[in-house]
Full PDB file with SEQRES, HELIX, SHEET, SSBOND, CRYST1, ORIGX, SCALE, CONECT and MASTER records, all heavy atoms in Angstrom:
SEQRES   1 A   30  LEU ARG ASN ASN ASN ALA THR ILE ARG ARG LEU LYS GLU          
SEQRES   2 A   30  ARG ILE ALA GLU LEU ARG ALA ARG ARG GLU GLN ALA ALA          
SEQRES   3 A   30  ALA ALA ASP GLY                                              
HELIX    1 AA1 ARG A    2  ALA A   28  1                                  27    
CRYST1    1.000    1.000    1.000  90.00  90.00  90.00 P 1           1          
ORIGX1      1.000000  0.000000  0.000000        0.00000                         
ORIGX2      0.000000  1.000000  0.000000        0.00000                         
ORIGX3      0.000000  0.000000  1.000000        0.00000                         
SCALE1      1.000000  0.000000  0.000000        0.00000                         
SCALE2      0.000000  1.000000  0.000000        0.00000                         
SCALE3      0.000000  0.000000  1.000000        0.00000                         
ATOM      1  N   LEU A   1      -4.137  16.664 -14.712  1.00  0.00           N  
ATOM      2  CA  LEU A   1      -3.520  15.367 -14.956  1.00  0.00           C  
ATOM      3  C   LEU A   1      -2.398  15.094 -13.963  1.00  0.00           C  
ATOM      4  O   LEU A   1      -2.248  13.968 -13.482  1.00  0.00           O  
ATOM      5  CB  LEU A   1      -2.982  15.285 -16.389  1.00  0.00           C  
ATOM      6  CG  LEU A   1      -4.045  14.990 -17.463  1.00  0.00           C  
ATOM      7  CD1 LEU A   1      -4.723  16.277 -17.920  1.00  0.00           C  
ATOM      8  CD2 LEU A   1      -3.437  14.271 -18.653  1.00  0.00           C  
ATOM      9  N   ARG A   2      -1.595  16.131 -13.632  1.00  0.00           N  
ATOM     10  CA  ARG A   2      -0.508  15.932 -12.659  1.00  0.00           C  
ATOM     11  C   ARG A   2      -1.070  15.568 -11.291  1.00  0.00           C  
ATOM     12  O   ARG A   2      -0.568  14.660 -10.629  1.00  0.00           O  
ATOM     13  CB  ARG A   2       0.350  17.190 -12.569  1.00  0.00           C  
ATOM     14  CG  ARG A   2       1.228  17.451 -13.780  1.00  0.00           C  
ATOM     15  CD  ARG A   2       2.323  18.456 -13.436  1.00  0.00           C  
ATOM     16  NE  ARG A   2       1.750  19.715 -12.958  1.00  0.00           N  
ATOM     17  CZ  ARG A   2       1.433  20.748 -13.741  1.00  0.00           C  
ATOM     18  NH1 ARG A   2       1.616  20.659 -15.059  1.00  0.00           N  
ATOM     19  NH2 ARG A   2       0.949  21.867 -13.245  1.00  0.00           N  
ATOM     20  N   ASN A   3      -2.100  16.290 -10.865  1.00  0.00           N  
ATOM     21  CA  ASN A   3      -2.680  16.019  -9.546  1.00  0.00           C  
ATOM     22  C   ASN A   3      -3.280  14.618  -9.479  1.00  0.00           C  
ATOM     23  O   ASN A   3      -3.116  13.897  -8.491  1.00  0.00           O  
ATOM     24  CB  ASN A   3      -3.754  17.062  -9.215  1.00  0.00           C  
ATOM     25  CG  ASN A   3      -3.167  18.439  -8.976  1.00  0.00           C  
ATOM     26  OD1 ASN A   3      -1.956  18.576  -8.802  1.00  0.00           O  
ATOM     27  ND2 ASN A   3      -4.012  19.449  -8.967  1.00  0.00           N  
ATOM     28  N   ASN A   4      -3.973  14.229 -10.529  1.00  0.00           N  
ATOM     29  CA  ASN A   4      -4.578  12.900 -10.543  1.00  0.00           C  
ATOM     30  C   ASN A   4      -3.515  11.816 -10.607  1.00  0.00           C  
ATOM     31  O   ASN A   4      -3.656  10.750  -9.994  1.00  0.00           O  
ATOM     32  CB  ASN A   4      -5.535  12.773 -11.728  1.00  0.00           C  
ATOM     33  CG  ASN A   4      -6.421  11.560 -11.628  1.00  0.00           C  
ATOM     34  OD1 ASN A   4      -7.220  11.431 -10.717  1.00  0.00           O  
ATOM     35  ND2 ASN A   4      -6.267  10.629 -12.570  1.00  0.00           N  
ATOM     36  N   ASN A   5      -2.433  12.094 -11.318  1.00  0.00           N  
ATOM     37  CA  ASN A   5      -1.345  11.124 -11.386  1.00  0.00           C  
ATOM     38  C   ASN A   5      -0.677  10.968 -10.020  1.00  0.00           C  
ATOM     39  O   ASN A   5      -0.269   9.870  -9.637  1.00  0.00           O  
ATOM     40  CB  ASN A   5      -0.314  11.570 -12.430  1.00  0.00           C  
ATOM     41  CG  ASN A   5       0.517  10.413 -12.941  1.00  0.00           C  
ATOM     42  OD1 ASN A   5       0.015   9.312 -13.135  1.00  0.00           O  
ATOM     43  ND2 ASN A   5       1.799  10.655 -13.137  1.00  0.00           N  
ATOM     44  N   ALA A   6      -0.564  12.077  -9.282  1.00  0.00           N  
ATOM     45  CA  ALA A   6      -0.016  12.008  -7.921  1.00  0.00           C  
ATOM     46  C   ALA A   6      -0.932  11.175  -7.022  1.00  0.00           C  
ATOM     47  O   ALA A   6      -0.461  10.421  -6.162  1.00  0.00           O  
ATOM     48  CB  ALA A   6       0.162  13.409  -7.352  1.00  0.00           C  
ATOM     49  N   THR A   7      -2.241  11.317  -7.207  1.00  0.00           N  
ATOM     50  CA  THR A   7      -3.188  10.505  -6.447  1.00  0.00           C  
ATOM     51  C   THR A   7      -3.006   9.023  -6.751  1.00  0.00           C  
ATOM     52  O   THR A   7      -3.044   8.176  -5.854  1.00  0.00           O  
ATOM     53  CB  THR A   7      -4.632  10.929  -6.775  1.00  0.00           C  
ATOM     54  OG1 THR A   7      -4.819  12.295  -6.395  1.00  0.00           O  
ATOM     55  CG2 THR A   7      -5.635  10.055  -6.047  1.00  0.00           C  
ATOM     56  N   ILE A   8      -2.785   8.703  -8.019  1.00  0.00           N  
ATOM     57  CA  ILE A   8      -2.567   7.303  -8.412  1.00  0.00           C  
ATOM     58  C   ILE A   8      -1.314   6.751  -7.735  1.00  0.00           C  
ATOM     59  O   ILE A   8      -1.322   5.639  -7.192  1.00  0.00           O  
ATOM     60  CB  ILE A   8      -2.458   7.192  -9.946  1.00  0.00           C  
ATOM     61  CG1 ILE A   8      -3.815   7.494 -10.587  1.00  0.00           C  
ATOM     62  CG2 ILE A   8      -1.956   5.819 -10.356  1.00  0.00           C  
ATOM     63  CD1 ILE A   8      -3.778   7.567 -12.099  1.00  0.00           C  
ATOM     64  N   ARG A   9      -0.236   7.530  -7.737  1.00  0.00           N  
ATOM     65  CA  ARG A   9       1.006   7.079  -7.085  1.00  0.00           C  
ATOM     66  C   ARG A   9       0.786   6.872  -5.589  1.00  0.00           C  
ATOM     67  O   ARG A   9       1.244   5.883  -5.010  1.00  0.00           O  
ATOM     68  CB  ARG A   9       2.131   8.074  -7.325  1.00  0.00           C  
ATOM     69  CG  ARG A   9       2.635   8.117  -8.759  1.00  0.00           C  
ATOM     70  CD  ARG A   9       3.990   8.810  -8.825  1.00  0.00           C  
ATOM     71  NE  ARG A   9       3.936  10.163  -8.269  1.00  0.00           N  
ATOM     72  CZ  ARG A   9       3.624  11.247  -8.972  1.00  0.00           C  
ATOM     73  NH1 ARG A   9       3.320  11.130 -10.266  1.00  0.00           N  
ATOM     74  NH2 ARG A   9       3.608  12.430  -8.414  1.00  0.00           N  
ATOM     75  N   ARG A  10       0.083   7.825  -4.956  1.00  0.00           N  
ATOM     76  CA  ARG A  10      -0.159   7.721  -3.513  1.00  0.00           C  
ATOM     77  C   ARG A  10      -0.976   6.477  -3.192  1.00  0.00           C  
ATOM     78  O   ARG A  10      -0.674   5.751  -2.235  1.00  0.00           O  
ATOM     79  CB  ARG A  10      -0.883   8.975  -3.025  1.00  0.00           C  
ATOM     80  CG  ARG A  10      -1.267   8.933  -1.553  1.00  0.00           C  
ATOM     81  CD  ARG A  10      -2.022  10.180  -1.159  1.00  0.00           C  
ATOM     82  NE  ARG A  10      -3.244  10.337  -1.935  1.00  0.00           N  
ATOM     83  CZ  ARG A  10      -4.367   9.696  -1.682  1.00  0.00           C  
ATOM     84  NH1 ARG A  10      -4.424   8.810  -0.692  1.00  0.00           N  
ATOM     85  NH2 ARG A  10      -5.449   9.912  -2.407  1.00  0.00           N  
ATOM     86  N   LEU A  11      -1.999   6.208  -3.976  1.00  0.00           N  
ATOM     87  CA  LEU A  11      -2.829   5.038  -3.725  1.00  0.00           C  
ATOM     88  C   LEU A  11      -2.040   3.743  -3.911  1.00  0.00           C  
ATOM     89  O   LEU A  11      -2.166   2.805  -3.120  1.00  0.00           O  
ATOM     90  CB  LEU A  11      -4.043   5.055  -4.656  1.00  0.00           C  
ATOM     91  CG  LEU A  11      -5.113   6.114  -4.356  1.00  0.00           C  
ATOM     92  CD1 LEU A  11      -6.145   6.168  -5.475  1.00  0.00           C  
ATOM     93  CD2 LEU A  11      -5.791   5.839  -3.022  1.00  0.00           C  
ATOM     94  N   LYS A  12      -1.212   3.693  -4.945  1.00  0.00           N  
ATOM     95  CA  LYS A  12      -0.398   2.497  -5.173  1.00  0.00           C  
ATOM     96  C   LYS A  12       0.566   2.265  -4.011  1.00  0.00           C  
ATOM     97  O   LYS A  12       0.752   1.120  -3.559  1.00  0.00           O  
ATOM     98  CB  LYS A  12       0.384   2.629  -6.483  1.00  0.00           C  
ATOM     99  CG  LYS A  12      -0.480   2.486  -7.733  1.00  0.00           C  
ATOM    100  CD  LYS A  12       0.368   2.596  -8.984  1.00  0.00           C  
ATOM    101  CE  LYS A  12      -0.470   2.380 -10.248  1.00  0.00           C  
ATOM    102  NZ  LYS A  12       0.352   2.501 -11.472  1.00  0.00           N  
ATOM    103  N   GLU A  13       1.167   3.338  -3.523  1.00  0.00           N  
ATOM    104  CA  GLU A  13       2.108   3.200  -2.406  1.00  0.00           C  
ATOM    105  C   GLU A  13       1.393   2.730  -1.144  1.00  0.00           C  
ATOM    106  O   GLU A  13       1.896   1.875  -0.403  1.00  0.00           O  
ATOM    107  CB  GLU A  13       2.801   4.539  -2.148  1.00  0.00           C  
ATOM    108  CG  GLU A  13       3.777   4.940  -3.236  1.00  0.00           C  
ATOM    109  CD  GLU A  13       4.288   6.351  -3.074  1.00  0.00           C  
ATOM    110  OE1 GLU A  13       3.843   7.032  -2.108  1.00  0.00           O  
ATOM    111  OE2 GLU A  13       5.116   6.787  -3.887  1.00  0.00           O  
ATOM    112  N   ARG A  14       0.207   3.260  -0.912  1.00  0.00           N  
ATOM    113  CA  ARG A  14      -0.518   2.868   0.296  1.00  0.00           C  
ATOM    114  C   ARG A  14      -1.011   1.432   0.209  1.00  0.00           C  
ATOM    115  O   ARG A  14      -0.973   0.691   1.184  1.00  0.00           O  
ATOM    116  CB  ARG A  14      -1.701   3.808   0.522  1.00  0.00           C  
ATOM    117  CG  ARG A  14      -2.307   3.638   1.900  1.00  0.00           C  
ATOM    118  CD  ARG A  14      -3.301   4.694   2.239  1.00  0.00           C  
ATOM    119  NE  ARG A  14      -3.905   4.391   3.516  1.00  0.00           N  
ATOM    120  CZ  ARG A  14      -5.120   4.748   3.868  1.00  0.00           C  
ATOM    121  NH1 ARG A  14      -5.879   5.448   3.019  1.00  0.00           N  
ATOM    122  NH2 ARG A  14      -5.615   4.441   5.049  1.00  0.00           N  
ATOM    123  N   ILE A  15      -1.458   1.028  -0.978  1.00  0.00           N  
ATOM    124  CA  ILE A  15      -1.885  -0.359  -1.161  1.00  0.00           C  
ATOM    125  C   ILE A  15      -0.712  -1.312  -0.921  1.00  0.00           C  
ATOM    126  O   ILE A  15      -0.859  -2.337  -0.247  1.00  0.00           O  
ATOM    127  CB  ILE A  15      -2.471  -0.551  -2.570  1.00  0.00           C  
ATOM    128  CG1 ILE A  15      -3.820   0.170  -2.683  1.00  0.00           C  
ATOM    129  CG2 ILE A  15      -2.643  -2.029  -2.896  1.00  0.00           C  
ATOM    130  CD1 ILE A  15      -4.366   0.225  -4.094  1.00  0.00           C  
ATOM    131  N   ALA A  16       0.451  -0.951  -1.454  1.00  0.00           N  
ATOM    132  CA  ALA A  16       1.633  -1.795  -1.259  1.00  0.00           C  
ATOM    133  C   ALA A  16       2.000  -1.870   0.219  1.00  0.00           C  
ATOM    134  O   ALA A  16       2.373  -2.946   0.726  1.00  0.00           O  
ATOM    135  CB  ALA A  16       2.803  -1.243  -2.075  1.00  0.00           C  
ATOM    136  N   GLU A  17       1.888  -0.742   0.919  1.00  0.00           N  
ATOM    137  CA  GLU A  17       2.206  -0.728   2.349  1.00  0.00           C  
ATOM    138  C   GLU A  17       1.251  -1.623   3.131  1.00  0.00           C  
ATOM    139  O   GLU A  17       1.668  -2.395   3.999  1.00  0.00           O  
ATOM    140  CB  GLU A  17       2.126   0.707   2.869  1.00  0.00           C  
ATOM    141  CG  GLU A  17       2.385   0.834   4.363  1.00  0.00           C  
ATOM    142  CD  GLU A  17       2.152   2.240   4.871  1.00  0.00           C  
ATOM    143  OE1 GLU A  17       1.929   3.143   4.047  1.00  0.00           O  
ATOM    144  OE2 GLU A  17       2.185   2.428   6.101  1.00  0.00           O  
ATOM    145  N   LEU A  18      -0.048  -1.525   2.840  1.00  0.00           N  
ATOM    146  CA  LEU A  18      -1.025  -2.327   3.568  1.00  0.00           C  
ATOM    147  C   LEU A  18      -0.865  -3.821   3.258  1.00  0.00           C  
ATOM    148  O   LEU A  18      -1.018  -4.671   4.138  1.00  0.00           O  
ATOM    149  CB  LEU A  18      -2.438  -1.868   3.222  1.00  0.00           C  
ATOM    150  CG  LEU A  18      -2.838  -0.490   3.755  1.00  0.00           C  
ATOM    151  CD1 LEU A  18      -4.238  -0.118   3.294  1.00  0.00           C  
ATOM    152  CD2 LEU A  18      -2.750  -0.447   5.272  1.00  0.00           C  
ATOM    153  N   ARG A  19      -0.545  -4.143   2.000  1.00  0.00           N  
ATOM    154  CA  ARG A  19      -0.332  -5.544   1.664  1.00  0.00           C  
ATOM    155  C   ARG A  19       0.896  -6.097   2.376  1.00  0.00           C  
ATOM    156  O   ARG A  19       0.891  -7.237   2.854  1.00  0.00           O  
ATOM    157  CB  ARG A  19      -0.184  -5.686   0.153  1.00  0.00           C  
ATOM    158  CG  ARG A  19      -1.523  -5.613  -0.590  1.00  0.00           C  
ATOM    159  CD  ARG A  19      -1.333  -5.691  -2.073  1.00  0.00           C  
ATOM    160  NE  ARG A  19      -2.615  -5.813  -2.766  1.00  0.00           N  
ATOM    161  CZ  ARG A  19      -2.788  -5.608  -4.052  1.00  0.00           C  
ATOM    162  NH1 ARG A  19      -1.747  -5.284  -4.812  1.00  0.00           N  
ATOM    163  NH2 ARG A  19      -3.977  -5.742  -4.603  1.00  0.00           N  
ATOM    164  N   ALA A  20       1.953  -5.282   2.451  1.00  0.00           N  
ATOM    165  CA  ALA A  20       3.155  -5.732   3.152  1.00  0.00           C  
ATOM    166  C   ALA A  20       2.855  -5.936   4.638  1.00  0.00           C  
ATOM    167  O   ALA A  20       3.345  -6.896   5.248  1.00  0.00           O  
ATOM    168  CB  ALA A  20       4.270  -4.701   2.973  1.00  0.00           C  
ATOM    169  N   ARG A  21       2.029  -5.070   5.195  1.00  0.00           N  
ATOM    170  CA  ARG A  21       1.663  -5.204   6.598  1.00  0.00           C  
ATOM    171  C   ARG A  21       0.823  -6.463   6.819  1.00  0.00           C  
ATOM    172  O   ARG A  21       0.964  -7.151   7.831  1.00  0.00           O  
ATOM    173  CB  ARG A  21       0.898  -3.961   7.048  1.00  0.00           C  
ATOM    174  CG  ARG A  21       0.751  -3.830   8.551  1.00  0.00           C  
ATOM    175  CD  ARG A  21       0.049  -2.538   8.894  1.00  0.00           C  
ATOM    176  NE  ARG A  21       0.795  -1.398   8.381  1.00  0.00           N  
ATOM    177  CZ  ARG A  21       0.299  -0.169   8.334  1.00  0.00           C  
ATOM    178  NH1 ARG A  21      -0.947   0.053   8.731  1.00  0.00           N  
ATOM    179  NH2 ARG A  21       1.029   0.825   7.883  1.00  0.00           N  
ATOM    180  N   ARG A  22      -0.069  -6.765   5.863  1.00  0.00           N  
ATOM    181  CA  ARG A  22      -0.878  -7.971   5.967  1.00  0.00           C  
ATOM    182  C   ARG A  22       0.000  -9.217   5.915  1.00  0.00           C  
ATOM    183  O   ARG A  22      -0.198 -10.173   6.671  1.00  0.00           O  
ATOM    184  CB  ARG A  22      -1.904  -8.000   4.836  1.00  0.00           C  
ATOM    185  CG  ARG A  22      -2.898  -9.150   4.926  1.00  0.00           C  
ATOM    186  CD  ARG A  22      -3.873  -9.102   3.787  1.00  0.00           C  
ATOM    187  NE  ARG A  22      -3.213  -9.345   2.502  1.00  0.00           N  
ATOM    188  CZ  ARG A  22      -3.804  -9.238   1.327  1.00  0.00           C  
ATOM    189  NH1 ARG A  22      -5.076  -8.870   1.272  1.00  0.00           N  
ATOM    190  NH2 ARG A  22      -3.136  -9.486   0.217  1.00  0.00           N  
ATOM    191  N   GLU A  23       1.003  -9.214   5.031  1.00  0.00           N  
ATOM    192  CA  GLU A  23       1.922 -10.343   4.952  1.00  0.00           C  
ATOM    193  C   GLU A  23       2.726 -10.481   6.239  1.00  0.00           C  
ATOM    194  O   GLU A  23       3.001 -11.589   6.701  1.00  0.00           O  
ATOM    195  CB  GLU A  23       2.848 -10.167   3.751  1.00  0.00           C  
ATOM    196  CG  GLU A  23       2.125 -10.254   2.409  1.00  0.00           C  
ATOM    197  CD  GLU A  23       3.032  -9.911   1.249  1.00  0.00           C  
ATOM    198  OE1 GLU A  23       4.227  -9.596   1.511  1.00  0.00           O  
ATOM    199  OE2 GLU A  23       2.581  -9.943   0.091  1.00  0.00           O  
ATOM    200  N   GLN A  24       3.083  -9.316   6.815  1.00  0.00           N  
ATOM    201  CA  GLN A  24       3.811  -9.340   8.072  1.00  0.00           C  
ATOM    202  C   GLN A  24       2.956  -9.939   9.181  1.00  0.00           C  
ATOM    203  O   GLN A  24       3.439 -10.723  10.007  1.00  0.00           O  
ATOM    204  CB  GLN A  24       4.230  -7.908   8.452  1.00  0.00           C  
ATOM    205  CG  GLN A  24       5.002  -7.808   9.755  1.00  0.00           C  
ATOM    206  CD  GLN A  24       5.320  -6.366  10.105  1.00  0.00           C  
ATOM    207  OE1 GLN A  24       5.028  -5.456   9.340  1.00  0.00           O  
ATOM    208  NE2 GLN A  24       5.912  -6.155  11.267  1.00  0.00           N  
ATOM    209  N   ALA A  25       1.676  -9.577   9.191  1.00  0.00           N  
ATOM    210  CA  ALA A  25       0.766 -10.125  10.201  1.00  0.00           C  
ATOM    211  C   ALA A  25       0.597 -11.629  10.026  1.00  0.00           C  
ATOM    212  O   ALA A  25       0.546 -12.382  10.996  1.00  0.00           O  
ATOM    213  CB  ALA A  25      -0.589  -9.422  10.117  1.00  0.00           C  
ATOM    214  N   ALA A  26       0.510 -12.079   8.760  1.00  0.00           N  
ATOM    215  CA  ALA A  26       0.367 -13.509   8.509  1.00  0.00           C  
ATOM    216  C   ALA A  26       1.619 -14.267   8.935  1.00  0.00           C  
ATOM    217  O   ALA A  26       1.535 -15.373   9.486  1.00  0.00           O  
ATOM    218  CB  ALA A  26       0.093 -13.745   7.024  1.00  0.00           C  
ATOM    219  N   ALA A  27       2.792 -13.673   8.712  1.00  0.00           N  
ATOM    220  CA  ALA A  27       4.041 -14.320   9.107  1.00  0.00           C  
ATOM    221  C   ALA A  27       4.167 -14.384  10.620  1.00  0.00           C  
ATOM    222  O   ALA A  27       4.658 -15.367  11.182  1.00  0.00           O  
ATOM    223  CB  ALA A  27       5.228 -13.572   8.504  1.00  0.00           C  
ATOM    224  N   ALA A  28       3.691 -13.308  11.298  1.00  0.00           N  
ATOM    225  CA  ALA A  28       3.774 -13.284  12.755  1.00  0.00           C  
ATOM    226  C   ALA A  28       2.805 -14.270  13.383  1.00  0.00           C  
ATOM    227  O   ALA A  28       3.008 -14.731  14.503  1.00  0.00           O  
ATOM    228  CB  ALA A  28       3.483 -11.876  13.274  1.00  0.00           C  
ATOM    229  N   ASP A  29       1.710 -14.596  12.653  1.00  0.00           N  
ATOM    230  CA  ASP A  29       0.712 -15.565  13.119  1.00  0.00           C  
ATOM    231  C   ASP A  29       0.169 -15.194  14.486  1.00  0.00           C  
ATOM    232  O   ASP A  29      -0.001 -16.029  15.373  1.00  0.00           O  
ATOM    233  CB  ASP A  29       1.318 -16.962  13.158  1.00  0.00           C  
ATOM    234  CG  ASP A  29       0.245 -18.041  13.279  1.00  0.00           C  
ATOM    235  OD1 ASP A  29      -0.905 -17.767  12.897  1.00  0.00           O  
ATOM    236  OD2 ASP A  29       0.575 -19.135  13.778  1.00  0.00           O  
ATOM    237  N   GLY A  30      -0.100 -13.883  14.647  1.00  0.00           N  
ATOM    238  CA  GLY A  30      -0.738 -13.417  15.883  1.00  0.00           C  
ATOM    239  C   GLY A  30       0.219 -13.144  17.017  1.00  0.00           C  
ATOM    240  O   GLY A  30      -0.194 -12.668  18.071  1.00  0.00           O  
TER     241      GLY A  30                                                      
MASTER        0    0    0    1    0    0    0    6  240    1    0    3          
END                                                                             
């Protein structure tokens, strides 16, 4: 359960990072 919970945290952090990067790309407009 601890290992799987760590995986959940890691995935959430990476998703948040990629979404923030996507927003940054949209703001930069190329």
